[in-house]
Amino acid sequence: MGYTITDTQRVNVSGSNGALLSSDENRNRWLEVSVRTGSYELDNTHKVGTRQEQRGGPGTPAPIDDDTEVLRRAIWLETDKQYRAAAEALIKSRRARK
C-alpha cells in the first residue's frame, strides 16, 4: 500500500497603480491510495489479455480541516475502495491466465 496526501495553498493577489484590486486564497488537500494484491509472480497490476487493468483512480479530495478522526476516516474509506478494486483486478488476472 502507498499513500500520498498533497496539501496546497494558493493565494492570488491583483493590483494596479499601487491599489489592491482583488485577492483570493484557496486551499486543497488531495489523497491518493495505491494498493497491490497478489504475489510477486501475479498481482492486480498484470495485463488481462491485451489491455492493462485500471489501477485505482487518480485520487480523491480529502478533508482540509486538521481533525485527525475525519482525515483517518477518509483515508480508511479510500483504502477500502482501492483494495476492493485491486482484489477484483487480481481475480480477472487469474481468470485470464487459466
PDB file of N, CA and C in Angstrom:
ATOM      1  N   MET A   1       0.839  -1.172   0.000  1.00  0.00           N
ATOM      2  CA  MET A   1       0.000   0.000   0.000  1.00  0.00           C
ATOM      3  C   MET A   1       0.885   1.235   0.000  1.00  0.00           C
ATOM      4  N   GLY A   2       0.377   2.240  -0.676  1.00  0.00           N
ATOM      5  CA  GLY A   2       1.092   3.510  -0.701  1.00  0.00           C
ATOM      6  C   GLY A   2       0.091   4.653  -0.532  1.00  0.00           C
ATOM      7  N   TYR A   3       0.492   5.642   0.198  1.00  0.00           N
ATOM      8  CA  TYR A   3      -0.379   6.780   0.479  1.00  0.00           C
ATOM      9  C   TYR A   3       0.345   8.084   0.147  1.00  0.00           C
ATOM     10  N   THR A   4      -0.369   8.983  -0.503  1.00  0.00           N
ATOM     11  CA  THR A   4       0.140  10.319  -0.757  1.00  0.00           C
ATOM     12  C   THR A   4      -0.963  11.316  -0.456  1.00  0.00           C
ATOM     13  N   ILE A   5      -0.657  12.290   0.381  1.00  0.00           N
ATOM     14  CA  ILE A   5      -1.582  13.392   0.614  1.00  0.00           C
ATOM     15  C   ILE A   5      -0.857  14.663   0.191  1.00  0.00           C
ATOM     16  N   THR A   6      -1.475  15.379  -0.736  1.00  0.00           N
ATOM     17  CA  THR A   6      -0.914  16.633  -1.218  1.00  0.00           C
ATOM     18  C   THR A   6      -1.778  17.770  -0.707  1.00  0.00           C
ATOM     19  N   ASP A   7      -1.166  18.670   0.019  1.00  0.00           N
ATOM     20  CA  ASP A   7      -1.870  19.816   0.591  1.00  0.00           C
ATOM     21  C   ASP A   7      -1.324  21.069  -0.084  1.00  0.00           C
ATOM     22  N   THR A   8      -2.186  21.790  -0.790  1.00  0.00           N
ATOM     23  CA  THR A   8      -1.741  23.001  -1.478  1.00  0.00           C
ATOM     24  C   THR A   8      -2.534  24.205  -0.999  1.00  0.00           C
ATOM     25  N   GLN A   9      -1.851  25.317  -0.971  1.00  0.00           N
ATOM     26  CA  GLN A   9      -2.496  26.576  -0.615  1.00  0.00           C
ATOM     27  C   GLN A   9      -2.035  27.615  -1.632  1.00  0.00           C
ATOM     28  N   ARG A  10      -2.994  28.271  -2.272  1.00  0.00           N
ATOM     29  CA  ARG A  10      -2.685  29.271  -3.291  1.00  0.00           C
ATOM     30  C   ARG A  10      -3.298  30.606  -2.904  1.00  0.00           C
ATOM     31  N   VAL A  11      -2.540  31.639  -3.176  1.00  0.00           N
ATOM     32  CA  VAL A  11      -3.019  32.999  -2.936  1.00  0.00           C
ATOM     33  C   VAL A  11      -2.808  33.783  -4.224  1.00  0.00           C
ATOM     34  N   ASN A  12      -3.865  34.404  -4.719  1.00  0.00           N
ATOM     35  CA  ASN A  12      -3.794  35.259  -5.898  1.00  0.00           C
ATOM     36  C   ASN A  12      -4.071  36.691  -5.461  1.00  0.00           C
ATOM     37  N   VAL A  13      -3.164  37.574  -5.817  1.00  0.00           N
ATOM     38  CA  VAL A  13      -3.305  38.983  -5.479  1.00  0.00           C
ATOM     39  C   VAL A  13      -3.144  39.775  -6.772  1.00  0.00           C
ATOM     40  N   SER A  14      -4.047  40.711  -6.994  1.00  0.00           N
ATOM     41  CA  SER A  14      -4.002  41.545  -8.185  1.00  0.00           C
ATOM     42  C   SER A  14      -4.065  43.015  -7.776  1.00  0.00           C
ATOM     43  N   GLY A  15      -3.225  43.814  -8.399  1.00  0.00           N
ATOM     44  CA  GLY A  15      -3.215  45.230  -8.081  1.00  0.00           C
ATOM     45  C   GLY A  15      -2.887  46.067  -9.296  1.00  0.00           C
ATOM     46  N   SER A  16      -3.153  47.352  -9.191  1.00  0.00           N
ATOM     47  CA  SER A  16      -2.850  48.286 -10.272  1.00  0.00           C
ATOM     48  C   SER A  16      -2.594  49.661  -9.678  1.00  0.00           C
ATOM     49  N   ASN A  17      -1.509  50.287 -10.108  1.00  0.00           N
ATOM     50  CA  ASN A  17      -1.145  51.627  -9.644  1.00  0.00           C
ATOM     51  C   ASN A  17      -1.114  51.739  -8.119  1.00  0.00           C
ATOM     52  N   GLY A  18      -0.624  50.692  -7.461  1.00  0.00           N
ATOM     53  CA  GLY A  18      -0.496  50.706  -6.016  1.00  0.00           C
ATOM     54  C   GLY A  18      -1.764  50.378  -5.247  1.00  0.00           C
ATOM     55  N   ALA A  19      -2.859  50.079  -5.958  1.00  0.00           N
ATOM     56  CA  ALA A  19      -4.122  49.744  -5.288  1.00  0.00           C
ATOM     57  C   ALA A  19      -4.406  48.247  -5.419  1.00  0.00           C
ATOM     58  N   LEU A  20      -4.887  47.659  -4.365  1.00  0.00           N
ATOM     59  CA  LEU A  20      -5.284  46.254  -4.379  1.00  0.00           C
ATOM     60  C   LEU A  20      -6.623  46.128  -5.091  1.00  0.00           C
ATOM     61  N   LEU A  21      -6.647  45.333  -6.172  1.00  0.00           N
ATOM     62  CA  LEU A  21      -7.885  45.123  -6.911  1.00  0.00           C
ATOM     63  C   LEU A  21      -8.639  43.890  -6.416  1.00  0.00           C
ATOM     64  N   SER A  22      -7.891  42.825  -6.155  1.00  0.00           N
ATOM     65  CA  SER A  22      -8.544  41.616  -5.655  1.00  0.00           C
ATOM     66  C   SER A  22      -7.518  40.720  -4.986  1.00  0.00           C
ATOM     67  N   SER A  23      -8.002  39.884  -4.116  1.00  0.00           N
ATOM     68  CA  SER A  23      -7.170  38.854  -3.505  1.00  0.00           C
ATOM     69  C   SER A  23      -8.054  37.645  -3.239  1.00  0.00           C
ATOM     70  N   ASP A  24      -7.453  36.492  -3.379  1.00  0.00           N
ATOM     71  CA  ASP A  24      -8.198  35.248  -3.232  1.00  0.00           C
ATOM     72  C   ASP A  24      -7.261  34.198  -2.647  1.00  0.00           C
ATOM     73  N   GLU A  25      -7.781  33.395  -1.736  1.00  0.00           N
ATOM     74  CA  GLU A  25      -6.995  32.322  -1.130  1.00  0.00           C
ATOM     75  C   GLU A  25      -7.752  31.012  -1.298  1.00  0.00           C
ATOM     76  N   ASN A  26      -7.020  29.953  -1.666  1.00  0.00           N
ATOM     77  CA  ASN A  26      -7.635  28.655  -1.905  1.00  0.00           C
ATOM     78  C   ASN A  26      -6.732  27.570  -1.329  1.00  0.00           C
ATOM     79  N   ARG A  27      -7.329  26.619  -0.637  1.00  0.00           N
ATOM     80  CA  ARG A  27      -6.573  25.500  -0.070  1.00  0.00           C
ATOM     81  C   ARG A  27      -7.235  24.198  -0.484  1.00  0.00           C
ATOM     82  N   ASN A  28      -6.415  23.236  -0.918  1.00  0.00           N
ATOM     83  CA  ASN A  28      -6.896  21.911  -1.322  1.00  0.00           C
ATOM     84  C   ASN A  28      -6.044  20.839  -0.656  1.00  0.00           C
ATOM     85  N   ARG A  29      -6.662  19.703  -0.438  1.00  0.00           N
ATOM     86  CA  ARG A  29      -5.936  18.528   0.044  1.00  0.00           C
ATOM     87  C   ARG A  29      -6.404  17.350  -0.799  1.00  0.00           C
ATOM     88  N   TRP A  30      -5.453  16.610  -1.377  1.00  0.00           N
ATOM     89  CA  TRP A  30      -5.753  15.525  -2.294  1.00  0.00           C
ATOM     90  C   TRP A  30      -5.134  14.239  -1.767  1.00  0.00           C
ATOM     91  N   LEU A  31      -5.922  13.153  -1.754  1.00  0.00           N
ATOM     92  CA  LEU A  31      -5.477  11.860  -1.232  1.00  0.00           C
ATOM     93  C   LEU A  31      -5.381  10.855  -2.370  1.00  0.00           C
ATOM     94  N   GLU A  32      -4.231  10.193  -2.463  1.00  0.00           N
ATOM     95  CA  GLU A  32      -4.040   9.120  -3.432  1.00  0.00           C
ATOM     96  C   GLU A  32      -3.613   7.863  -2.676  1.00  0.00           C
ATOM     97  N   VAL A  33      -4.319   6.753  -2.941  1.00  0.00           N
ATOM     98  CA  VAL A  33      -4.022   5.476  -2.296  1.00  0.00           C
ATOM     99  C   VAL A  33      -3.730   4.453  -3.382  1.00  0.00           C
ATOM    100  N   SER A  34      -2.648   3.737  -3.232  1.00  0.00           N
ATOM    101  CA  SER A  34      -2.272   2.688  -4.171  1.00  0.00           C
ATOM    102  C   SER A  34      -2.207   1.362  -3.417  1.00  0.00           C
ATOM    103  N   VAL A  35      -2.940   0.353  -3.913  1.00  0.00           N
ATOM    104  CA  VAL A  35      -2.982  -0.949  -3.258  1.00  0.00           C
ATOM    105  C   VAL A  35      -2.664  -2.029  -4.282  1.00  0.00           C
ATOM    106  N   ARG A  36      -1.785  -2.941  -3.915  1.00  0.00           N
ATOM    107  CA  ARG A  36      -1.486  -4.103  -4.766  1.00  0.00           C
ATOM    108  C   ARG A  36      -1.837  -5.352  -3.988  1.00  0.00           C
ATOM    109  N   THR A  37      -2.486  -6.287  -4.669  1.00  0.00           N
ATOM    110  CA  THR A  37      -2.830  -7.571  -4.057  1.00  0.00           C
ATOM    111  C   THR A  37      -2.250  -8.689  -4.902  1.00  0.00           C
ATOM    112  N   GLY A  38      -2.006  -9.828  -4.297  1.00  0.00           N
ATOM    113  CA  GLY A  38      -1.473 -10.973  -5.017  1.00  0.00           C
ATOM    114  C   GLY A  38      -0.067 -11.284  -4.564  1.00  0.00           C
ATOM    115  N   SER A  39       0.743 -11.777  -5.511  1.00  0.00           N
ATOM    116  CA  SER A  39       2.125 -12.155  -5.206  1.00  0.00           C
ATOM    117  C   SER A  39       3.055 -11.464  -6.197  1.00  0.00           C
ATOM    118  N   TYR A  40       4.362 -11.692  -6.028  1.00  0.00           N
ATOM    119  CA  TYR A  40       5.316 -11.103  -6.963  1.00  0.00           C
ATOM    120  C   TYR A  40       5.105 -11.653  -8.372  1.00  0.00           C
ATOM    121  N   GLU A  41       4.717 -12.911  -8.476  1.00  0.00           N
ATOM    122  CA  GLU A  41       4.521 -13.536  -9.781  1.00  0.00           C
ATOM    123  C   GLU A  41       3.246 -13.050 -10.477  1.00  0.00           C
ATOM    124  N   LEU A  42       2.201 -12.819  -9.707  1.00  0.00           N
ATOM    125  CA  LEU A  42       0.930 -12.396 -10.286  1.00  0.00           C
ATOM    126  C   LEU A  42       0.215 -11.492  -9.286  1.00  0.00           C
ATOM    127  N   ASP A  43       0.047 -10.241  -9.661  1.00  0.00           N
ATOM    128  CA  ASP A  43      -0.707  -9.325  -8.812  1.00  0.00           C
ATOM    129  C   ASP A  43      -1.713  -8.560  -9.662  1.00  0.00           C
ATOM    130  N   ASN A  44      -2.426  -7.659  -9.050  1.00  0.00           N
ATOM    131  CA  ASN A  44      -3.517  -6.955  -9.724  1.00  0.00           C
ATOM    132  C   ASN A  44      -3.034  -5.976 -10.794  1.00  0.00           C
ATOM    133  N   THR A  45      -1.726  -5.767 -10.922  1.00  0.00           N
ATOM    134  CA  THR A  45      -1.234  -4.819 -11.921  1.00  0.00           C
ATOM    135  C   THR A  45      -0.887  -5.484 -13.247  1.00  0.00           C
ATOM    136  N   HIS A  46      -1.006  -6.810 -13.348  1.00  0.00           N
ATOM    137  CA  HIS A  46      -0.683  -7.510 -14.590  1.00  0.00           C
ATOM    138  C   HIS A  46      -1.758  -7.289 -15.644  1.00  0.00           C
ATOM    139  N   LYS A  47      -1.335  -7.398 -16.894  1.00  0.00           N
ATOM    140  CA  LYS A  47      -2.264  -7.219 -18.011  1.00  0.00           C
ATOM    141  C   LYS A  47      -3.271  -8.359 -18.058  1.00  0.00           C
ATOM    142  N   VAL A  48      -4.483  -8.010 -18.493  1.00  0.00           N
ATOM    143  CA  VAL A  48      -5.531  -9.005 -18.733  1.00  0.00           C
ATOM    144  C   VAL A  48      -5.763  -8.997 -20.237  1.00  0.00           C
ATOM    145  N   GLY A  49      -5.344 -10.073 -20.904  1.00  0.00           N
ATOM    146  CA  GLY A  49      -5.465 -10.101 -22.358  1.00  0.00           C
ATOM    147  C   GLY A  49      -4.512  -9.082 -22.966  1.00  0.00           C
ATOM    148  N   THR A  50      -5.065  -8.170 -23.754  1.00  0.00           N
ATOM    149  CA  THR A  50      -4.228  -7.167 -24.419  1.00  0.00           C
ATOM    150  C   THR A  50      -4.295  -5.807 -23.743  1.00  0.00           C
ATOM    151  N   ARG A  51      -5.049  -5.710 -22.661  1.00  0.00           N
ATOM    152  CA  ARG A  51      -5.165  -4.396 -22.022  1.00  0.00           C
ATOM    153  C   ARG A  51      -4.715  -4.447 -20.560  1.00  0.00           C
ATOM    154  N   GLN A  52      -4.241  -3.325 -20.101  1.00  0.00           N
ATOM    155  CA  GLN A  52      -3.806  -3.181 -18.711  1.00  0.00           C
ATOM    156  C   GLN A  52      -5.023  -2.838 -17.860  1.00  0.00           C
ATOM    157  N   GLU A  53      -5.175  -3.536 -16.751  1.00  0.00           N
ATOM    158  CA  GLU A  53      -6.290  -3.237 -15.840  1.00  0.00           C
ATOM    159  C   GLU A  53      -6.081  -1.880 -15.209  1.00  0.00           C
ATOM    160  N   GLN A  54      -7.175  -1.179 -14.983  1.00  0.00           N
ATOM    161  CA  GLN A  54      -7.102   0.103 -14.284  1.00  0.00           C
ATOM    162  C   GLN A  54      -6.667  -0.137 -12.851  1.00  0.00           C
ATOM    163  N   ARG A  55      -5.767   0.689 -12.384  1.00  0.00           N
ATOM    164  CA  ARG A  55      -5.301   0.568 -11.001  1.00  0.00           C
ATOM    165  C   ARG A  55      -5.804   1.766 -10.228  1.00  0.00           C
ATOM    166  N   GLY A  56      -6.856   1.543  -9.505  1.00  0.00           N
ATOM    167  CA  GLY A  56      -7.363   2.606  -8.657  1.00  0.00           C
ATOM    168  C   GLY A  56      -7.825   3.799  -9.462  1.00  0.00           C
ATOM    169  N   GLY A  57      -7.699   4.940  -8.898  1.00  0.00           N
ATOM    170  CA  GLY A  57      -8.109   6.155  -9.563  1.00  0.00           C
ATOM    171  C   GLY A  57      -7.076   7.233  -9.367  1.00  0.00           C
ATOM    172  N   PRO A  58      -7.343   8.395  -9.887  1.00  0.00           N
ATOM    173  CA  PRO A  58      -6.377   9.473  -9.746  1.00  0.00           C
ATOM    174  C   PRO A  58      -6.334  10.067  -8.344  1.00  0.00           C
ATOM    175  N   GLY A  59      -7.234   9.679  -7.507  1.00  0.00           N
ATOM    176  CA  GLY A  59      -7.273  10.210  -6.151  1.00  0.00           C
ATOM    177  C   GLY A  59      -8.632  10.786  -5.830  1.00  0.00           C
ATOM    178  N   THR A  60      -8.710  11.350  -4.661  1.00  0.00           N
ATOM    179  CA  THR A  60      -9.973  11.903  -4.196  1.00  0.00           C
ATOM    180  C   THR A  60      -9.691  13.113  -3.302  1.00  0.00           C
ATOM    181  N   PRO A  61     -10.583  14.074  -3.277  1.00  0.00           N
ATOM    182  CA  PRO A  61     -10.385  15.186  -2.346  1.00  0.00           C
ATOM    183  C   PRO A  61     -10.400  14.690  -0.899  1.00  0.00           C
ATOM    184  N   ALA A  62      -9.568  15.273  -0.077  1.00  0.00           N
ATOM    185  CA  ALA A  62      -9.509  14.913   1.342  1.00  0.00           C
ATOM    186  C   ALA A  62      -9.936  16.126   2.167  1.00  0.00           C
ATOM    187  N   PRO A  63     -10.436  15.878   3.378  1.00  0.00           N
ATOM    188  CA  PRO A  63     -10.845  16.992   4.233  1.00  0.00           C
ATOM    189  C   PRO A  63      -9.672  17.931   4.512  1.00  0.00           C
ATOM    190  N   ILE A  64      -9.932  19.232   4.472  1.00  0.00           N
ATOM    191  CA  ILE A  64      -8.839  20.180   4.700  1.00  0.00           C
ATOM    192  C   ILE A  64      -8.720  20.625   6.149  1.00  0.00           C
ATOM    193  N   ASP A  65      -9.742  20.317   6.962  1.00  0.00           N
ATOM    194  CA  ASP A  65      -9.585  20.644   8.378  1.00  0.00           C
ATOM    195  C   ASP A  65      -8.604  19.642   8.994  1.00  0.00           C
ATOM    196  N   ASP A  66      -8.005  19.991  10.072  1.00  0.00           N
ATOM    197  CA  ASP A  66      -6.972  19.152  10.660  1.00  0.00           C
ATOM    198  C   ASP A  66      -7.508  18.224  11.754  1.00  0.00           C
ATOM    199  N   ASP A  67      -8.756  17.826  11.631  1.00  0.00           N
ATOM    200  CA  ASP A  67      -9.362  16.871  12.561  1.00  0.00           C
ATOM    201  C   ASP A  67      -8.850  15.475  12.210  1.00  0.00           C
ATOM    202  N   THR A  68      -8.064  14.892  13.109  1.00  0.00           N
ATOM    203  CA  THR A  68      -7.436  13.599  12.862  1.00  0.00           C
ATOM    204  C   THR A  68      -8.444  12.508  12.556  1.00  0.00           C
ATOM    205  N   GLU A  69      -9.540  12.460  13.280  1.00  0.00           N
ATOM    206  CA  GLU A  69     -10.536  11.402  13.078  1.00  0.00           C
ATOM    207  C   GLU A  69     -11.211  11.510  11.707  1.00  0.00           C
ATOM    208  N   VAL A  70     -11.499  12.719  11.270  1.00  0.00           N
ATOM    209  CA  VAL A  70     -12.132  12.919   9.963  1.00  0.00           C
ATOM    210  C   VAL A  70     -11.174  12.502   8.859  1.00  0.00           C
ATOM    211  N   LEU A  71      -9.928  12.887   8.968  1.00  0.00           N
ATOM    212  CA  LEU A  71      -8.928  12.516   7.973  1.00  0.00           C
ATOM    213  C   LEU A  71      -8.670  11.014   7.985  1.00  0.00           C
ATOM    214  N   ARG A  72      -8.619  10.424   9.155  1.00  0.00           N
ATOM    215  CA  ARG A  72      -8.418   8.981   9.274  1.00  0.00           C
ATOM    216  C   ARG A  72      -9.552   8.212   8.594  1.00  0.00           C
ATOM    217  N   ARG A  73     -10.775   8.682   8.772  1.00  0.00           N
ATOM    218  CA  ARG A  73     -11.920   8.016   8.134  1.00  0.00           C
ATOM    219  C   ARG A  73     -11.852   8.134   6.612  1.00  0.00           C
ATOM    220  N   ALA A  74     -11.480   9.301   6.100  1.00  0.00           N
ATOM    221  CA  ALA A  74     -11.354   9.486   4.655  1.00  0.00           C
ATOM    222  C   ALA A  74     -10.283   8.547   4.083  1.00  0.00           C
ATOM    223  N   ILE A  75      -9.169   8.412   4.790  1.00  0.00           N
ATOM    224  CA  ILE A  75      -8.101   7.510   4.351  1.00  0.00           C
ATOM    225  C   ILE A  75      -8.586   6.070   4.372  1.00  0.00           C
ATOM    226  N   TRP A  76      -9.293   5.676   5.433  1.00  0.00           N
ATOM    227  CA  TRP A  76      -9.813   4.319   5.529  1.00  0.00           C
ATOM    228  C   TRP A  76     -10.787   4.015   4.390  1.00  0.00           C
ATOM    229  N   LEU A  77     -11.711   4.932   4.116  1.00  0.00           N
ATOM    230  CA  LEU A  77     -12.696   4.699   3.050  1.00  0.00           C
ATOM    231  C   LEU A  77     -12.027   4.567   1.686  1.00  0.00           C
ATOM    232  N   GLU A  78     -11.039   5.398   1.410  1.00  0.00           N
ATOM    233  CA  GLU A  78     -10.338   5.312   0.120  1.00  0.00           C
ATOM    234  C   GLU A  78      -9.491   4.046   0.042  1.00  0.00           C
ATOM    235  N   THR A  79      -8.884   3.639   1.153  1.00  0.00           N
ATOM    236  CA  THR A  79      -8.123   2.391   1.178  1.00  0.00           C
ATOM    237  C   THR A  79      -9.030   1.206   0.890  1.00  0.00           C
ATOM    238  N   ASP A  80     -10.198   1.172   1.523  1.00  0.00           N
ATOM    239  CA  ASP A  80     -11.156   0.089   1.293  1.00  0.00           C
ATOM    240  C   ASP A  80     -11.593   0.050  -0.169  1.00  0.00           C
ATOM    241  N   LYS A  81     -11.884   1.202  -0.737  1.00  0.00           N
ATOM    242  CA  LYS A  81     -12.302   1.291  -2.141  1.00  0.00           C
ATOM    243  C   LYS A  81     -11.206   0.769  -3.074  1.00  0.00           C
ATOM    244  N   GLN A  82      -9.963   1.195  -2.833  1.00  0.00           N
ATOM    245  CA  GLN A  82      -8.854   0.771  -3.690  1.00  0.00           C
ATOM    246  C   GLN A  82      -8.514  -0.708  -3.483  1.00  0.00           C
ATOM    247  N   TYR A  83      -8.661  -1.218  -2.264  1.00  0.00           N
ATOM    248  CA  TYR A  83      -8.419  -2.643  -2.021  1.00  0.00           C
ATOM    249  C   TYR A  83      -9.431  -3.497  -2.775  1.00  0.00           C
ATOM    250  N   ARG A  84     -10.695  -3.101  -2.724  1.00  0.00           N
ATOM    251  CA  ARG A  84     -11.723  -3.857  -3.437  1.00  0.00           C
ATOM    252  C   ARG A  84     -11.474  -3.851  -4.942  1.00  0.00           C
ATOM    253  N   ALA A  85     -11.056  -2.715  -5.480  1.00  0.00           N
ATOM    254  CA  ALA A  85     -10.740  -2.630  -6.917  1.00  0.00           C
ATOM    255  C   ALA A  85      -9.530  -3.510  -7.250  1.00  0.00           C
ATOM    256  N   ALA A  86      -8.522  -3.507  -6.378  1.00  0.00           N
ATOM    257  CA  ALA A  86      -7.335  -4.331  -6.608  1.00  0.00           C
ATOM    258  C   ALA A  86      -7.669  -5.813  -6.533  1.00  0.00           C
ATOM    259  N   ALA A  87      -8.509  -6.208  -5.581  1.00  0.00           N
ATOM    260  CA  ALA A  87      -8.901  -7.607  -5.451  1.00  0.00           C
ATOM    261  C   ALA A  87      -9.674  -8.070  -6.686  1.00  0.00           C
ATOM    262  N   GLU A  88     -10.557  -7.236  -7.205  1.00  0.00           N
ATOM    263  CA  GLU A  88     -11.314  -7.564  -8.417  1.00  0.00           C
ATOM    264  C   GLU A  88     -10.375  -7.694  -9.617  1.00  0.00           C
ATOM    265  N   ALA A  89      -9.401  -6.803  -9.722  1.00  0.00           N
ATOM    266  CA  ALA A  89      -8.432  -6.869 -10.817  1.00  0.00           C
ATOM    267  C   ALA A  89      -7.587  -8.137 -10.721  1.00  0.00           C
ATOM    268  N   LEU A  90      -7.247  -8.561  -9.512  1.00  0.00           N
ATOM    269  CA  LEU A  90      -6.480  -9.793  -9.330  1.00  0.00           C
ATOM    270  C   LEU A  90      -7.296 -11.001  -9.779  1.00  0.00           C
ATOM    271  N   ILE A  91      -8.569 -11.022  -9.439  1.00  0.00           N
ATOM    272  CA  ILE A  91      -9.443 -12.119  -9.879  1.00  0.00           C
ATOM    273  C   ILE A  91      -9.484 -12.183 -11.399  1.00  0.00           C
ATOM    274  N   LYS A  92      -9.608 -11.037 -12.054  1.00  0.00           N
ATOM    275  CA  LYS A  92      -9.632 -11.001 -13.526  1.00  0.00           C
ATOM    276  C   LYS A  92      -8.304 -11.480 -14.103  1.00  0.00           C
ATOM    277  N   SER A  93      -7.187 -11.106 -13.473  1.00  0.00           N
ATOM    278  CA  SER A  93      -5.884 -11.550 -13.940  1.00  0.00           C
ATOM    279  C   SER A  93      -5.734 -13.061 -13.818  1.00  0.00           C
ATOM    280  N   ARG A  94      -6.202 -13.602 -12.721  1.00  0.00           N
ATOM    281  CA  ARG A  94      -6.140 -15.065 -12.519  1.00  0.00           C
ATOM    282  C   ARG A  94      -7.013 -15.797 -13.522  1.00  0.00           C
ATOM    283  N   ARG A  95      -8.198 -15.290 -13.781  1.00  0.00           N
ATOM    284  CA  ARG A  95      -9.080 -15.919 -14.789  1.00  0.00           C
ATOM    285  C   ARG A  95      -8.455 -15.875 -16.161  1.00  0.00           C
ATOM    286  N   ALA A  96      -7.832 -14.777 -16.503  1.00  0.00           N
ATOM    287  CA  ALA A  96      -7.211 -14.619 -17.829  1.00  0.00           C
ATOM    288  C   ALA A  96      -6.044 -15.582 -18.012  1.00  0.00           C
ATOM    289  N   ARG A  97      -5.379 -15.919 -16.952  1.00  0.00           N
ATOM    290  CA  ARG A  97      -4.241 -16.845 -17.028  1.00  0.00           C
ATOM    291  C   ARG A  97      -4.674 -18.276 -17.246  1.00  0.00           C
ATOM    292  N   LYS A  98      -5.884 -18.624 -16.821  1.00  0.00           N
ATOM    293  CA  LYS A  98      -6.357 -20.016 -16.936  1.00  0.00           C
ATOM    294  C   LYS A  98      -6.782 -20.364 -18.316  1.00  0.00           C
TER     295      LYS A  98
END
